[in-house]
Amino acid sequence: MSGSGKTLRLGVAGLGTVGGGLLKLIERQAELRLPGKLEVVAVSARNKNRNRGVDIAKFRWVDDPVELALSDDIDVVVELVGGSDGPAKRTVEAALRSGKSVVSANKALIAEHGMEIAALAEKHQAHLLFEAAVAGAIPIVRAVKNSLSGVIVSRVSGILNGTCNYILSEMLRTGAAYETVLAEAQRLGYAESDPFLDVSGGDAAHKVLILAAIAFGAQPDFTQVQVEGIDKIEAMDITLANKFDYRIKLVAEAYRSGGSVRCRVAPVLVSRDHPLASVNGPLNAVVVEGEPVGRLTFTGPGAGAGPTAAAVMGDLARLFEGPATPPLGKPSRELAAVITAADSTNDQGSFFIGAKLADKPGMFAALTEELAEAGVSIDKLIQESAGDTGAAPVAIMTHPCPRASVEKALAKIAALKITADEPRLLRIETRA
């Protein structure tokens, strides 16, 4: 399959937004810089008659994507079905077992079954490429796997979900409530009709686990990723954090901790001069830190038909270049079982507390008293007028302390009904 002037015969499974975008891009391949030619032989999807903005009548239609994967006239299977199991997994496994190369945009599949699928690709000396699974058009998988293979990585972090970043950015810009901005994101196509995987942090968790596996030579284990979403963040929290000169971002990160690697996703406060603070709207950003390069920041569109299809095309171009390499960087048998759950209660650092004080005398004094009794010292505080709402917004930034101490105080505050809502507790990123 290597060498200039070769033709790769493709079978495309999944013709949603990305699949349609890919077919349009293949039609324009003469304008690209590919080492050979791509020929779409057959396609498969759930609905043959759906309008995708591209003529699929010239391709052979196959109802079952597994049958597509086993076709003798196909060299490469492009899997754009999605989902960690079911047809996507069966299609990829069938293709690899028959020695066919696979290009996928399926982060859930790689994150949850990466070890077994990588081992299958290595056994059959087949390519398994998934640049489009992480951060859309940002070539971060290839960068970490190849270009930065000579870097001892200490941390990979970033904004890996454009839906959440759009929502948080718009809540800051407009002051609108989470539900209002989510509805607008759905109208614009930035959020799915069922946004759970995005807003729960699950999508970003899949992506950061893939990066962790490659960056740290680790066996991907999704059960060990600590995940928290943005659905409890209030516009008030974002507004008051901004008054402290901080932005709230959903940050996914993987970092060395002793002999382990910790993976977590959570909304955190980053200072205005942090590289992630100015990444707004549906953009993604990835920060790689390590020796001897220091910090590298990659930014770009992280989703959508165009950016994701471009990432798929980048992987297809790689297929012309030579033999397959281990999908996760190191051979799967050499990946270490070092990813362990990050226990947030053992976190030491500064924290943000957002809440609304109940409209009763002495509530502010009671709040600060409970924090002091738990050993939590207040660094900065903003209290705003209750106005007509009957509850006064308050935001607190703590001095460094154990997270467990803050959680203990908040549990007591909840029991005493000092606040009119459930307080939000967010970590503050203190590293600039």
Protein backbone atom coordinates (compact mmCIF):
# COMPACT_ATOMS: atom_id res chain seq x y z
CA MET A 1 0.00 0.00 0.00
CA SER A 2 2.98 2.32 0.28
CA GLY A 3 4.54 4.37 -2.45
CA SER A 4 3.64 7.29 -4.64
CA GLY A 5 0.95 6.80 -7.24
CA LYS A 6 -0.82 3.99 -5.40
CA THR A 7 -4.59 3.86 -5.12
CA LEU A 8 -6.31 3.02 -1.84
CA ARG A 9 -9.78 1.54 -2.14
CA LEU A 10 -11.98 2.74 0.70
CA GLY A 11 -15.07 1.45 2.42
CA VAL A 12 -16.75 4.16 4.50
CA ALA A 13 -18.94 2.99 7.38
CA GLY A 14 -21.06 5.81 8.79
CA LEU A 15 -22.36 8.71 6.71
CA GLY A 16 -23.29 11.30 9.30
CA THR A 17 -21.85 14.79 9.48
CA VAL A 18 -18.24 13.60 9.33
CA GLY A 19 -18.86 10.89 6.73
CA GLY A 20 -20.59 13.34 4.41
CA GLY A 21 -17.79 15.84 4.94
CA LEU A 22 -15.19 13.21 4.12
CA LEU A 23 -16.87 12.23 0.85
CA LYS A 24 -16.97 15.89 -0.20
CA LEU A 25 -13.28 16.27 0.64
CA ILE A 26 -12.36 13.13 -1.32
CA GLU A 27 -14.13 14.61 -4.34
CA ARG A 28 -11.63 17.49 -4.12
CA GLN A 29 -8.54 15.33 -3.56
CA ALA A 30 -6.85 16.74 -6.66
CA GLU A 31 -6.51 20.00 -4.72
CA LEU A 32 -4.84 18.23 -1.78
CA ARG A 33 -1.28 16.99 -1.28
CA LEU A 34 -1.85 13.25 -1.13
CA PRO A 35 0.93 10.80 -2.08
CA GLY A 36 -1.57 8.67 -4.01
CA LYS A 37 -5.22 8.38 -4.94
CA LEU A 38 -8.27 7.57 -2.82
CA GLU A 39 -11.16 5.67 -4.36
CA VAL A 40 -14.39 5.15 -2.45
CA VAL A 41 -15.69 1.70 -3.42
CA ALA A 42 -18.54 1.13 -0.97
CA VAL A 43 -20.44 2.84 1.83
CA SER A 44 -22.64 1.74 4.70
CA ALA A 45 -25.01 3.59 7.03
CA ARG A 46 -28.30 3.11 8.82
CA ASN A 47 -30.38 5.08 6.32
CA LYS A 48 -29.76 4.76 2.59
CA ASN A 49 -32.16 7.52 1.58
CA ARG A 50 -31.08 10.35 3.87
CA ASN A 51 -29.94 13.51 2.09
CA ARG A 52 -26.25 14.01 2.89
CA GLY A 53 -25.48 16.77 0.43
CA VAL A 54 -23.33 14.42 -1.62
CA ASP A 55 -24.19 11.82 -4.28
CA ILE A 56 -23.68 8.32 -2.86
CA ALA A 57 -25.39 6.53 -5.74
CA LYS A 58 -22.02 5.99 -7.46
CA PHE A 59 -20.79 3.86 -4.54
CA ARG A 60 -21.84 0.32 -3.72
CA TRP A 61 -24.27 0.32 -0.83
CA VAL A 62 -23.76 -2.29 1.90
CA ASP A 63 -26.34 -2.58 4.69
CA ASP A 64 -24.05 -4.31 7.18
CA PRO A 65 -20.77 -2.48 7.96
CA VAL A 66 -19.13 -5.76 8.96
CA GLU A 67 -19.84 -7.10 5.48
CA LEU A 68 -18.30 -3.92 4.14
CA ALA A 69 -15.18 -4.53 6.25
CA LEU A 70 -14.79 -8.03 4.82
CA SER A 71 -15.17 -7.02 1.16
CA ASP A 72 -12.26 -8.21 -1.02
CA ASP A 73 -12.23 -5.04 -3.11
CA ILE A 74 -11.57 -2.75 -0.12
CA ASP A 75 -8.12 -1.94 1.29
CA VAL A 76 -9.09 0.51 4.03
CA VAL A 77 -12.13 0.77 6.28
CA VAL A 78 -13.03 4.24 7.50
CA GLU A 79 -15.13 3.77 10.63
CA LEU A 80 -17.36 6.76 11.40
CA VAL A 81 -20.21 4.84 13.01
CA GLY A 82 -19.45 5.89 16.59
CA GLY A 83 -20.10 4.19 19.90
CA SER A 84 -17.78 2.05 22.00
CA ASP A 85 -19.48 -1.25 21.15
CA GLY A 86 -21.96 -2.68 18.70
CA PRO A 87 -21.51 -2.22 14.93
CA ALA A 88 -18.47 0.06 15.27
CA LYS A 89 -16.45 -2.42 17.31
CA ARG A 90 -17.47 -5.40 15.20
CA THR A 91 -16.60 -3.53 12.00
CA VAL A 92 -13.16 -2.47 13.20
CA GLU A 93 -12.34 -5.95 14.51
CA ALA A 94 -13.47 -7.60 11.26
CA ALA A 95 -11.35 -5.23 9.18
CA LEU A 96 -8.21 -5.70 11.30
CA ARG A 97 -8.57 -9.50 11.38
CA SER A 98 -8.67 -9.49 7.59
CA GLY A 99 -5.49 -7.39 7.50
CA LYS A 100 -7.20 -4.21 6.36
CA SER A 101 -6.15 -0.81 7.62
CA VAL A 102 -8.64 1.14 9.72
CA VAL A 103 -9.04 4.89 10.07
CA SER A 104 -11.50 5.88 12.79
CA ALA A 105 -12.90 8.99 14.46
CA ASN A 106 -14.30 6.92 17.33
CA LYS A 107 -12.90 8.15 20.66
CA ALA A 108 -15.20 5.96 22.76
CA LEU A 109 -14.03 2.81 20.99
CA ILE A 110 -10.33 3.63 21.36
CA ALA A 111 -10.67 4.79 24.97
CA GLU A 112 -12.69 1.81 26.15
CA HIS A 113 -11.25 -0.99 23.98
CA GLY A 114 -7.91 0.47 22.91
CA MET A 115 -5.74 -2.31 24.29
CA GLU A 116 -7.50 -5.20 22.58
CA ILE A 117 -7.98 -3.36 19.28
CA ALA A 118 -4.36 -2.16 19.24
CA ALA A 119 -3.17 -5.71 19.90
CA LEU A 120 -5.36 -6.96 17.04
CA ALA A 121 -3.90 -4.38 14.65
CA GLU A 122 -0.35 -5.30 15.67
CA LYS A 123 -1.02 -9.00 15.29
CA HIS A 124 -2.23 -8.52 11.70
CA GLN A 125 0.29 -5.76 10.89
CA ALA A 126 -2.54 -3.42 9.99
CA HIS A 127 -2.75 0.33 10.42
CA LEU A 128 -5.12 1.61 13.10
CA LEU A 129 -5.20 5.41 12.96
CA PHE A 130 -7.52 7.70 14.91
CA GLU A 131 -6.31 11.30 14.66
CA ALA A 132 -9.90 12.47 14.22
CA ALA A 133 -10.90 10.96 17.58
CA VAL A 134 -9.20 13.75 19.56
CA ALA A 135 -9.49 17.52 19.07
CA GLY A 136 -10.76 17.56 15.48
CA ALA A 137 -8.37 19.35 13.14
CA ILE A 138 -5.59 19.70 15.73
CA PRO A 139 -3.04 16.99 14.81
CA ILE A 140 -2.39 16.20 18.47
CA VAL A 141 -2.40 12.39 18.29
CA ARG A 142 0.28 12.38 15.62
CA ALA A 143 2.22 15.13 17.42
CA VAL A 144 2.35 13.24 20.72
CA LYS A 145 2.87 9.84 19.13
CA ASN A 146 5.54 10.82 16.59
CA SER A 147 6.83 14.38 16.71
CA LEU A 148 7.10 14.44 20.52
CA SER A 149 8.23 10.84 21.00
CA GLY A 150 11.56 12.24 22.23
CA VAL A 151 9.89 14.28 24.99
CA ILE A 152 9.45 13.05 28.56
CA VAL A 153 5.88 14.23 29.05
CA SER A 154 4.82 15.32 32.53
CA ARG A 155 1.31 16.56 31.76
CA VAL A 156 -1.20 16.74 28.92
CA SER A 157 -4.15 19.04 29.50
CA GLY A 158 -6.64 21.02 27.56
CA ILE A 159 -10.09 21.95 26.39
CA LEU A 160 -11.22 18.88 24.49
CA ASN A 161 -14.95 19.44 24.12
CA GLY A 162 -16.15 22.30 21.93
CA THR A 163 -19.74 22.02 23.14
CA CYS A 164 -18.82 22.70 26.76
CA ASN A 165 -16.37 25.42 25.81
CA TYR A 166 -19.02 27.17 23.72
CA ILE A 167 -21.54 26.98 26.57
CA LEU A 168 -19.13 28.34 29.18
CA SER A 169 -17.88 31.08 26.84
CA GLU A 170 -21.41 32.21 26.00
CA MET A 171 -22.50 32.16 29.63
CA LEU A 172 -19.62 34.55 30.35
CA ARG A 173 -20.33 36.75 27.32
CA THR A 174 -24.09 37.02 27.77
CA GLY A 175 -24.72 36.26 31.44
CA ALA A 176 -27.43 33.82 30.33
CA ALA A 177 -28.32 30.68 32.28
CA TYR A 178 -26.86 27.27 31.41
CA GLU A 179 -30.17 25.94 30.06
CA THR A 180 -30.62 28.97 27.77
CA VAL A 181 -27.13 28.70 26.28
CA LEU A 182 -27.42 24.92 25.89
CA ALA A 183 -30.61 25.37 23.86
CA GLU A 184 -28.83 27.89 21.62
CA ALA A 185 -25.88 25.51 21.21
CA GLN A 186 -28.29 22.80 20.08
CA ARG A 187 -29.93 25.19 17.61
CA LEU A 188 -26.52 26.07 16.13
CA GLY A 189 -25.44 22.43 15.91
CA TYR A 190 -22.70 22.75 18.55
CA ALA A 191 -24.60 20.39 20.88
CA GLU A 192 -26.47 17.16 20.19
CA SER A 193 -30.18 16.80 20.88
CA ASP A 194 -29.04 14.55 23.75
CA PRO A 195 -26.03 16.50 25.07
CA PHE A 196 -25.28 14.21 28.01
CA LEU A 197 -21.98 12.77 26.77
CA ASP A 198 -20.63 16.27 26.15
CA VAL A 199 -21.88 18.20 29.19
CA SER A 200 -21.19 15.33 31.61
CA GLY A 201 -17.49 15.42 30.69
CA GLY A 202 -17.57 11.90 29.22
CA ASP A 203 -16.53 12.95 25.72
CA ALA A 204 -13.50 14.88 27.01
CA ALA A 205 -12.64 11.95 29.28
CA HIS A 206 -12.43 9.58 26.30
CA LYS A 207 -10.12 11.98 24.50
CA VAL A 208 -7.74 12.71 27.37
CA LEU A 209 -7.42 8.99 28.10
CA ILE A 210 -6.30 8.38 24.52
CA LEU A 211 -3.68 11.12 24.86
CA ALA A 212 -2.58 9.73 28.22
CA ALA A 213 -2.07 6.25 26.77
CA ILE A 214 0.19 7.62 24.05
CA ALA A 215 1.98 10.29 26.09
CA PHE A 216 2.80 8.03 29.04
CA GLY A 217 2.99 4.59 27.42
CA ALA A 218 0.00 3.56 29.51
CA GLN A 219 -2.74 1.00 29.15
CA PRO A 220 -5.98 2.96 28.62
CA ASP A 221 -8.43 2.20 31.45
CA PHE A 222 -11.56 4.31 31.26
CA THR A 223 -12.80 3.13 34.66
CA GLN A 224 -9.94 5.07 36.26
CA VAL A 225 -10.79 8.48 34.80
CA GLN A 226 -12.37 10.91 37.26
CA VAL A 227 -15.13 12.82 35.45
CA GLU A 228 -17.19 15.87 36.36
CA GLY A 229 -19.27 17.92 33.92
CA ILE A 230 -20.51 21.49 33.60
CA ASP A 231 -24.25 21.02 34.08
CA LYS A 232 -24.20 22.40 37.65
CA ILE A 233 -22.27 25.57 36.80
CA GLU A 234 -24.35 28.73 37.19
CA ALA A 235 -24.02 31.98 35.29
CA MET A 236 -23.42 33.64 38.64
CA ASP A 237 -20.33 31.49 39.22
CA ILE A 238 -18.89 32.49 35.85
CA THR A 239 -19.62 36.18 36.40
CA LEU A 240 -18.08 36.26 39.89
CA ALA A 241 -15.05 34.19 38.84
CA ASN A 242 -14.52 36.75 36.09
CA LYS A 243 -14.46 39.51 38.72
CA PHE A 244 -11.56 37.62 40.31
CA ASP A 245 -9.89 37.69 36.85
CA TYR A 246 -10.44 33.95 36.34
CA ARG A 247 -12.31 31.97 33.69
CA ILE A 248 -14.18 28.71 34.26
CA LYS A 249 -13.18 26.05 31.72
CA LEU A 250 -13.83 22.33 31.45
CA VAL A 251 -10.26 21.05 31.63
CA ALA A 252 -9.23 17.48 30.83
CA GLU A 253 -5.80 16.48 32.07
CA ALA A 254 -3.45 13.55 32.51
CA TYR A 255 -0.35 13.92 34.62
CA ARG A 256 2.38 11.96 36.35
CA SER A 257 1.89 11.45 40.07
CA GLY A 258 4.67 9.37 41.58
CA GLY A 259 4.70 6.09 39.68
CA SER A 260 1.14 6.56 38.48
CA VAL A 261 -0.69 8.56 35.84
CA ARG A 262 -3.86 10.35 36.90
CA CYS A 263 -6.62 11.30 34.47
CA ARG A 264 -9.43 13.68 35.29
CA VAL A 265 -11.98 16.01 33.71
CA ALA A 266 -13.61 18.83 35.66
CA PRO A 267 -14.58 22.49 35.44
CA VAL A 268 -11.75 24.55 36.96
CA LEU A 269 -10.78 28.19 37.30
CA VAL A 270 -7.84 29.35 35.19
CA SER A 271 -6.31 32.81 35.49
CA ARG A 272 -6.84 35.28 32.66
CA ASP A 273 -3.22 34.88 31.48
CA HIS A 274 -3.36 31.06 31.38
CA PRO A 275 -3.04 29.65 27.81
CA LEU A 276 -6.51 28.07 28.06
CA ALA A 277 -8.30 31.20 29.31
CA SER A 278 -8.54 32.85 25.89
CA VAL A 279 -9.74 29.72 24.05
CA ASN A 280 -13.40 30.49 23.49
CA GLY A 281 -16.41 29.25 21.55
CA PRO A 282 -16.25 25.76 20.03
CA LEU A 283 -12.44 25.79 19.81
CA ASN A 284 -10.24 23.11 21.38
CA ALA A 285 -6.77 23.49 22.85
CA VAL A 286 -4.16 21.02 24.09
CA VAL A 287 -1.15 21.86 26.26
CA VAL A 288 1.72 19.36 26.36
CA GLU A 289 4.37 19.83 29.04
CA GLY A 290 7.64 17.92 29.29
CA GLU A 291 11.41 17.86 29.06
CA PRO A 292 13.31 19.17 27.22
CA VAL A 293 10.73 21.31 25.39
CA GLY A 294 8.79 22.96 28.22
CA ARG A 295 5.22 23.82 27.29
CA LEU A 296 3.62 23.49 23.84
CA THR A 297 0.10 24.72 23.11
CA PHE A 298 -2.02 23.54 20.17
CA THR A 299 -5.28 25.32 19.32
CA GLY A 300 -7.90 24.85 16.62
CA PRO A 301 -11.43 23.75 15.73
CA GLY A 302 -12.24 20.55 17.58
CA ALA A 303 -15.40 19.31 15.90
CA GLY A 304 -17.62 19.60 12.86
CA ALA A 305 -17.69 18.08 9.41
CA GLY A 306 -14.75 20.01 7.96
CA PRO A 307 -12.17 19.81 10.77
CA THR A 308 -12.89 16.15 11.58
CA ALA A 309 -12.93 15.09 7.93
CA ALA A 310 -9.59 16.86 7.47
CA ALA A 311 -8.16 14.82 10.34
CA VAL A 312 -9.45 11.61 8.73
CA MET A 313 -7.80 12.65 5.46
CA GLY A 314 -4.53 13.17 7.29
CA ASP A 315 -4.65 9.58 8.49
CA LEU A 316 -5.51 8.33 5.02
CA ALA A 317 -2.47 10.16 3.66
CA ARG A 318 -0.33 8.39 6.27
CA LEU A 319 -1.36 5.01 4.81
CA PHE A 320 0.71 5.72 1.69
CA GLU A 321 3.89 6.19 3.70
CA GLY A 322 4.82 2.68 4.74
CA PRO A 323 4.25 -0.16 7.21
CA ALA A 324 1.98 0.13 10.22
CA THR A 325 3.35 1.20 13.59
CA PRO A 326 1.83 0.41 17.02
CA PRO A 327 -1.45 2.36 17.28
CA LEU A 328 -0.77 3.65 20.79
CA GLY A 329 2.90 4.47 20.23
CA LYS A 330 4.48 1.57 22.05
CA PRO A 331 3.54 -2.05 21.29
CA SER A 332 0.46 -2.91 23.35
CA ARG A 333 2.36 -5.58 25.32
CA GLU A 334 4.75 -2.86 26.56
CA LEU A 335 2.08 -0.45 27.78
CA ALA A 336 2.15 -0.13 31.56
CA ALA A 337 -0.86 -0.41 33.85
CA VAL A 338 -0.16 2.92 35.53
CA ILE A 339 -3.41 4.87 35.10
CA THR A 340 -5.06 5.09 38.52
CA ALA A 341 -8.05 7.00 39.77
CA ALA A 342 -7.38 10.55 40.93
CA ASP A 343 -8.81 10.86 44.44
CA SER A 344 -10.06 14.44 44.53
CA THR A 345 -10.48 14.39 48.32
CA ASN A 346 -6.69 14.24 48.61
CA ASP A 347 -6.26 17.34 46.44
CA GLN A 348 -4.26 20.13 47.98
CA GLY A 349 -4.77 23.56 46.48
CA SER A 350 -6.90 26.65 46.30
CA PHE A 351 -10.62 26.37 45.63
CA PHE A 352 -13.57 28.44 44.45
CA ILE A 353 -16.91 28.25 46.24
CA GLY A 354 -20.01 29.67 44.57
CA ALA A 355 -23.33 29.84 46.37
CA LYS A 356 -26.36 31.96 47.21
CA LEU A 357 -26.74 32.88 50.87
CA ALA A 358 -30.14 32.24 52.37
CA ASP A 359 -32.15 35.36 53.16
CA LYS A 360 -31.83 35.14 56.94
CA PRO A 361 -29.86 37.20 59.46
CA GLY A 362 -26.36 35.97 60.27
CA MET A 363 -25.95 33.67 57.28
CA PHE A 364 -22.73 35.29 56.06
CA ALA A 365 -21.14 35.03 59.51
CA ALA A 366 -22.28 31.40 59.77
CA LEU A 367 -20.74 30.60 56.38
CA THR A 368 -17.33 32.02 57.24
CA GLU A 369 -17.45 30.43 60.70
CA GLU A 370 -17.99 26.95 59.28
CA LEU A 371 -15.14 27.41 56.81
CA ALA A 372 -12.83 28.60 59.59
CA GLU A 373 -13.80 25.71 61.83
CA ALA A 374 -12.84 23.28 59.04
CA GLY A 375 -9.46 24.97 58.67
CA VAL A 376 -10.32 26.75 55.42
CA SER A 377 -8.88 30.26 55.13
CA ILE A 378 -10.53 32.78 52.79
CA ASP A 379 -8.24 34.53 50.31
CA LYS A 380 -10.79 36.60 48.38
CA LEU A 381 -14.53 37.08 48.69
CA ILE A 382 -17.30 38.78 46.74
CA GLN A 383 -20.83 39.14 48.05
CA GLU A 384 -23.49 40.77 45.90
CA SER A 385 -26.90 42.13 46.74
CA ALA A 386 -29.80 39.73 46.98
CA GLY A 387 -31.99 42.22 45.14
CA ASP A 388 -35.46 40.82 44.49
CA THR A 389 -34.25 37.20 44.53
CA GLY A 390 -34.09 36.83 48.30
CA ALA A 391 -30.68 35.12 48.08
CA ALA A 392 -27.33 36.89 47.96
CA PRO A 393 -24.72 35.55 45.47
CA VAL A 394 -21.35 34.93 47.08
CA ALA A 395 -18.03 33.72 45.67
CA ILE A 396 -15.03 32.70 47.74
CA MET A 397 -11.46 31.85 46.77
CA THR A 398 -9.60 29.93 49.46
CA HIS A 399 -5.98 29.88 50.45
CA PRO A 400 -4.28 26.51 49.74
CA CYS A 401 -5.86 23.74 51.82
CA PRO A 402 -7.01 20.11 51.52
CA ARG A 403 -10.12 19.69 49.37
CA ALA A 404 -11.48 17.36 52.04
CA SER A 405 -11.54 20.29 54.48
CA VAL A 406 -13.63 22.39 52.11
CA GLU A 407 -16.01 19.49 51.45
CA LYS A 408 -16.42 18.96 55.21
CA ALA A 409 -17.34 22.61 55.68
CA LEU A 410 -19.78 22.58 52.75
CA ALA A 411 -21.50 19.48 54.11
CA LYS A 412 -22.07 21.29 57.42
CA ILE A 413 -23.21 24.43 55.58
CA ALA A 414 -25.77 22.35 53.65
CA ALA A 415 -27.04 20.71 56.83
CA LEU A 416 -27.51 24.11 58.49
CA LYS A 417 -29.27 25.49 55.37
CA ILE A 418 -26.94 28.48 55.29
CA THR A 419 -27.22 28.67 51.50
CA ALA A 420 -30.33 28.72 49.34
CA ASP A 421 -28.74 26.32 46.84
CA GLU A 422 -26.13 23.59 46.68
CA PRO A 423 -22.71 25.30 46.69
CA ARG A 424 -20.39 24.68 43.74
CA LEU A 425 -16.83 23.69 44.58
CA LEU A 426 -14.23 24.13 41.81
CA ARG A 427 -10.48 23.71 41.84
CA ILE A 428 -8.35 26.74 40.95
CA GLU A 429 -5.48 26.08 38.56
CA THR A 430 -2.59 27.87 40.25
CA ARG A 431 0.02 27.03 37.62
CA ALA A 432 0.16 29.91 35.11
